[in-house]
Amino acid sequence: MSKAKKIQGEKSSKKRFFSYSIYIYKVLKQIHPEIGISSRAMNIMNSFVEDIFNKISTEAVKLSQHNQIKTLTAREIQTSVRLLIPGELSKHAISEGTKAVAKYRNSSQKYRW
């Protein structure tokens, strides 16, 4: 009996694919409720978000290595955003990121013992 044969009752597991599509759609509806988005445009937006996140995380790791620290903090992420995203857009990104971190910290403190 080879390993390739399935054991009776065992389901084959699919590799999960993570997508930002749900979140992109929610943001679109907050800003322009009357506008839709095609699946091709959604795939492009999803790739864009993944690419930006990868660039930010790579830059943050480089900063932490340069500063000889082992833990990524919000400071490294903010600096990476300032380096990668131009002008006014980086200010808005940092502002929204700071609000999100504050909201997360406030919600997690409710459940501490």
Protein backbone atom coordinates (compact mmCIF):
# COMPACT_ATOMS: atom_id res chain seq x y z
CA MET A 1 0.00 0.00 0.00
CA SER A 2 1.52 3.33 -1.05
CA LYS A 3 1.40 6.60 0.86
CA ALA A 4 -0.43 8.23 -2.03
CA LYS A 5 -3.62 6.26 -1.36
CA LYS A 6 -6.14 7.97 0.88
CA ILE A 7 -7.27 6.43 4.10
CA GLN A 8 -11.00 5.86 3.99
CA GLY A 9 -12.89 8.86 5.38
CA GLU A 10 -9.88 11.17 5.16
CA LYS A 11 -10.49 14.42 3.30
CA SER A 12 -7.88 16.00 1.09
CA SER A 13 -6.85 19.35 2.50
CA LYS A 14 -6.66 22.38 0.25
CA LYS A 15 -3.98 24.97 0.77
CA ARG A 16 -5.66 28.10 2.10
CA PHE A 17 -5.27 31.24 0.02
CA PHE A 18 -5.31 34.53 1.91
CA SER A 19 -6.75 37.55 0.19
CA TYR A 20 -7.38 41.16 1.15
CA SER A 21 -10.42 41.27 -1.15
CA ILE A 22 -12.98 41.44 1.66
CA TYR A 23 -11.20 44.39 3.28
CA ILE A 24 -10.64 46.20 -0.02
CA TYR A 25 -14.34 45.82 -0.81
CA LYS A 26 -15.37 47.15 2.63
CA VAL A 27 -13.15 50.22 2.25
CA LEU A 28 -14.49 50.84 -1.27
CA LYS A 29 -18.08 50.73 0.02
CA GLN A 30 -17.24 53.15 2.85
CA ILE A 31 -15.79 55.66 0.41
CA HIS A 32 -17.98 55.11 -2.69
CA PRO A 33 -21.03 52.93 -1.91
CA GLU A 34 -22.37 53.26 -5.46
CA ILE A 35 -19.24 51.90 -7.20
CA GLY A 36 -18.41 48.22 -7.79
CA ILE A 37 -15.13 46.53 -8.67
CA SER A 38 -14.37 43.82 -11.24
CA SER A 39 -12.60 40.62 -10.24
CA ARG A 40 -9.59 41.58 -12.38
CA ALA A 41 -9.33 44.97 -10.65
CA MET A 42 -9.71 43.23 -7.27
CA ASN A 43 -6.83 40.87 -8.14
CA ILE A 44 -4.68 43.88 -9.06
CA MET A 45 -5.57 45.64 -5.78
CA ASN A 46 -4.86 42.45 -3.82
CA SER A 47 -1.42 42.16 -5.46
CA PHE A 48 -0.75 45.83 -4.76
CA VAL A 49 -1.58 45.48 -1.04
CA GLU A 50 0.58 42.34 -0.72
CA ASP A 51 3.47 44.08 -2.49
CA ILE A 52 3.28 47.18 -0.28
CA PHE A 53 3.10 45.06 2.90
CA ASN A 54 6.12 43.04 1.77
CA LYS A 55 8.11 46.19 1.01
CA ILE A 56 7.21 47.77 4.36
CA SER A 57 8.09 44.63 6.32
CA THR A 58 11.38 44.16 4.44
CA GLU A 59 12.36 47.77 5.09
CA ALA A 60 11.38 47.47 8.78
CA VAL A 61 13.58 44.38 9.15
CA LYS A 62 16.50 46.22 7.54
CA LEU A 63 16.00 49.13 9.96
CA SER A 64 15.90 46.82 12.98
CA GLN A 65 19.08 45.05 11.82
CA HIS A 66 20.79 48.39 11.25
CA ASN A 67 19.81 49.53 14.76
CA GLN A 68 20.79 46.11 16.16
CA ILE A 69 17.43 45.38 17.76
CA LYS A 70 15.64 42.06 17.60
CA THR A 71 12.04 43.19 17.96
CA LEU A 72 10.05 45.08 15.35
CA THR A 73 8.08 47.90 16.91
CA ALA A 74 5.63 50.46 15.60
CA ARG A 75 8.55 52.86 15.24
CA GLU A 76 10.26 50.71 12.58
CA ILE A 77 6.99 50.29 10.71
CA GLN A 78 6.35 54.05 10.78
CA THR A 79 9.85 54.82 9.55
CA SER A 80 9.47 52.26 6.76
CA VAL A 81 6.18 53.86 5.69
CA ARG A 82 7.83 57.31 5.66
CA LEU A 83 10.64 55.97 3.46
CA LEU A 84 8.44 54.05 1.00
CA ILE A 85 5.28 56.13 0.65
CA PRO A 86 5.60 59.70 -0.62
CA GLY A 87 4.49 62.96 1.01
CA GLU A 88 0.98 63.50 2.26
CA LEU A 89 0.01 59.87 1.69
CA SER A 90 2.55 58.67 4.26
CA LYS A 91 1.17 61.13 6.83
CA HIS A 92 -2.33 59.74 6.34
CA ALA A 93 -1.05 56.15 6.47
CA ILE A 94 0.82 56.78 9.73
CA SER A 95 -2.18 58.57 11.23
CA GLU A 96 -4.54 55.70 10.36
CA GLY A 97 -2.01 53.12 11.55
CA THR A 98 -1.61 54.90 14.88
CA LYS A 99 -5.39 54.97 15.33
CA ALA A 100 -5.62 51.25 14.53
CA VAL A 101 -2.88 50.35 17.03
CA ALA A 102 -4.55 52.48 19.75
CA LYS A 103 -7.91 50.82 19.05
CA TYR A 104 -6.29 47.37 19.25
CA ARG A 105 -4.53 48.17 22.53
CA ASN A 106 -7.75 49.51 24.07
CA SER A 107 -9.72 46.42 23.03
CA SER A 108 -7.05 43.98 24.25
CA GLN A 109 -6.83 45.70 27.67
CA LYS A 110 -10.51 44.95 28.31
CA TYR A 111 -9.78 41.23 28.33
CA ARG A 112 -6.68 41.26 30.52
CA TRP A 113 -7.00 39.69 33.94
